[in-house]
């Protein structure tokens, strides 16, 4: 996939700004947390003592991502919820159970 250099620059600044915010002690839902940027954000937030809900479509990938984070940070407060952001019902379940 090809991205414009300006888009990548804006994305990088956005991610840095989010990660510099004081999020300690909050419950945070990260969609797409099983890989890529979402996984890295989950790791960072879990390391900082936040209650992280890793939401993604694949149960296998979600469980694996949670296990990888817990191996790095045994005291991490992280859990997996299977969700498809394409369905309103699935989004409502995440909001209800978080």
Protein backbone atom coordinates (compact mmCIF):
# COMPACT_ATOMS: atom_id res chain seq x y z
CA UNK A 1 0.00 0.00 0.00
CA UNK A 2 1.38 3.44 -0.92
CA UNK A 3 1.01 6.41 1.39
CA UNK A 4 1.81 10.02 0.65
CA UNK A 5 4.84 11.28 2.62
CA UNK A 6 2.76 14.15 4.07
CA UNK A 7 0.16 11.67 5.34
CA UNK A 8 2.84 9.58 7.07
CA UNK A 9 4.33 12.71 8.66
CA UNK A 10 0.93 13.80 10.02
CA UNK A 11 0.24 10.26 11.26
CA UNK A 12 3.59 10.15 13.06
CA UNK A 13 2.94 13.50 14.78
CA UNK A 14 -0.56 12.37 15.79
CA UNK A 15 0.74 9.15 17.35
CA UNK A 16 3.50 10.98 19.24
CA UNK A 17 0.96 13.50 20.58
CA UNK A 18 -1.35 10.73 21.80
CA UNK A 19 1.44 8.79 23.45
CA UNK A 20 2.69 11.88 25.29
CA UNK A 21 -0.69 12.45 26.96
CA UNK A 22 -1.03 11.35 30.58
CA UNK A 23 -3.40 8.41 30.26
CA UNK A 24 -2.44 6.62 33.49
CA UNK A 25 -5.31 4.96 35.33
CA UNK A 26 -7.82 5.12 32.50
CA UNK A 27 -9.70 2.42 30.63
CA UNK A 28 -8.70 2.61 26.98
CA UNK A 29 -10.17 0.66 24.05
CA UNK A 30 -7.78 0.14 21.14
CA UNK A 31 -9.29 -1.21 17.93
CA UNK A 32 -6.96 -3.15 15.67
CA UNK A 33 -4.69 -3.88 18.60
CA UNK A 34 -3.56 -7.30 17.45
CA UNK A 35 -0.86 -6.02 15.08
CA UNK A 36 0.96 -3.00 13.73
CA UNK A 37 0.48 0.43 15.25
CA UNK A 38 -2.49 -0.74 17.32
CA UNK A 39 -0.38 -3.45 18.96
CA UNK A 40 2.41 -0.99 19.75
CA UNK A 41 -0.09 1.44 21.26
CA UNK A 42 -1.54 -1.37 23.42
CA UNK A 43 1.96 -2.29 24.63
CA UNK A 44 2.77 1.31 25.52
CA UNK A 45 -0.51 1.90 27.33
CA UNK A 46 -0.34 -1.41 29.22
CA UNK A 47 3.21 -0.64 30.33
CA UNK A 48 1.97 2.70 31.70
CA UNK A 49 -0.55 1.07 34.05
CA UNK A 50 -3.70 1.65 32.04
CA UNK A 51 -6.60 -0.78 31.81
CA UNK A 52 -6.40 -1.67 28.10
CA UNK A 53 -9.12 -3.37 26.10
CA UNK A 54 -7.63 -4.79 22.92
CA UNK A 55 -10.43 -5.03 20.36
CA UNK A 56 -10.08 -6.82 17.03
CA UNK A 57 -11.96 -9.21 14.76
CA UNK A 58 -9.82 -12.34 15.12
CA UNK A 59 -10.02 -14.17 18.45
CA UNK A 60 -6.79 -16.03 17.74
CA UNK A 61 -4.82 -12.86 16.92
CA UNK A 62 -6.33 -10.99 19.86
CA UNK A 63 -5.51 -13.74 22.36
CA UNK A 64 -1.98 -13.99 20.96
CA UNK A 65 -1.45 -10.21 21.23
CA UNK A 66 -2.66 -10.17 24.85
CA UNK A 67 -0.32 -13.08 25.67
CA UNK A 68 2.66 -11.31 24.05
CA UNK A 69 1.98 -8.14 26.04
CA UNK A 70 1.52 -10.05 29.30
CA UNK A 71 4.83 -11.83 28.72
CA UNK A 72 6.53 -8.43 28.43
CA UNK A 73 4.57 -6.81 31.28
CA UNK A 74 3.22 -9.49 33.67
CA UNK A 75 1.22 -6.95 35.70
CA UNK A 76 -0.44 -5.45 32.63
CA UNK A 77 -4.19 -4.87 32.87
CA UNK A 78 -5.13 -5.94 29.36
CA UNK A 79 -8.01 -7.97 28.00
CA UNK A 80 -9.30 -8.96 24.59
CA UNK A 81 -12.75 -8.33 23.19
CA UNK A 82 -13.74 -9.66 19.77
CA UNK A 83 -15.37 -6.89 17.78
CA UNK A 84 -16.13 -5.89 14.22
CA UNK A 85 -16.41 -2.13 13.93
CA UNK A 86 -18.57 -2.64 10.85
CA UNK A 87 -21.57 -3.69 12.92
CA UNK A 88 -23.35 -1.39 15.34
CA UNK A 89 -24.29 -4.34 17.58
CA UNK A 90 -20.66 -5.29 18.07
CA UNK A 91 -19.72 -1.72 18.97
CA UNK A 92 -22.60 -1.54 21.46
CA UNK A 93 -21.34 -4.75 23.15
CA UNK A 94 -17.88 -3.25 23.61
CA UNK A 95 -19.30 -0.07 25.11
CA UNK A 96 -21.64 -1.99 27.38
CA UNK A 97 -19.04 -4.41 28.76
CA UNK A 98 -16.16 -1.95 29.17
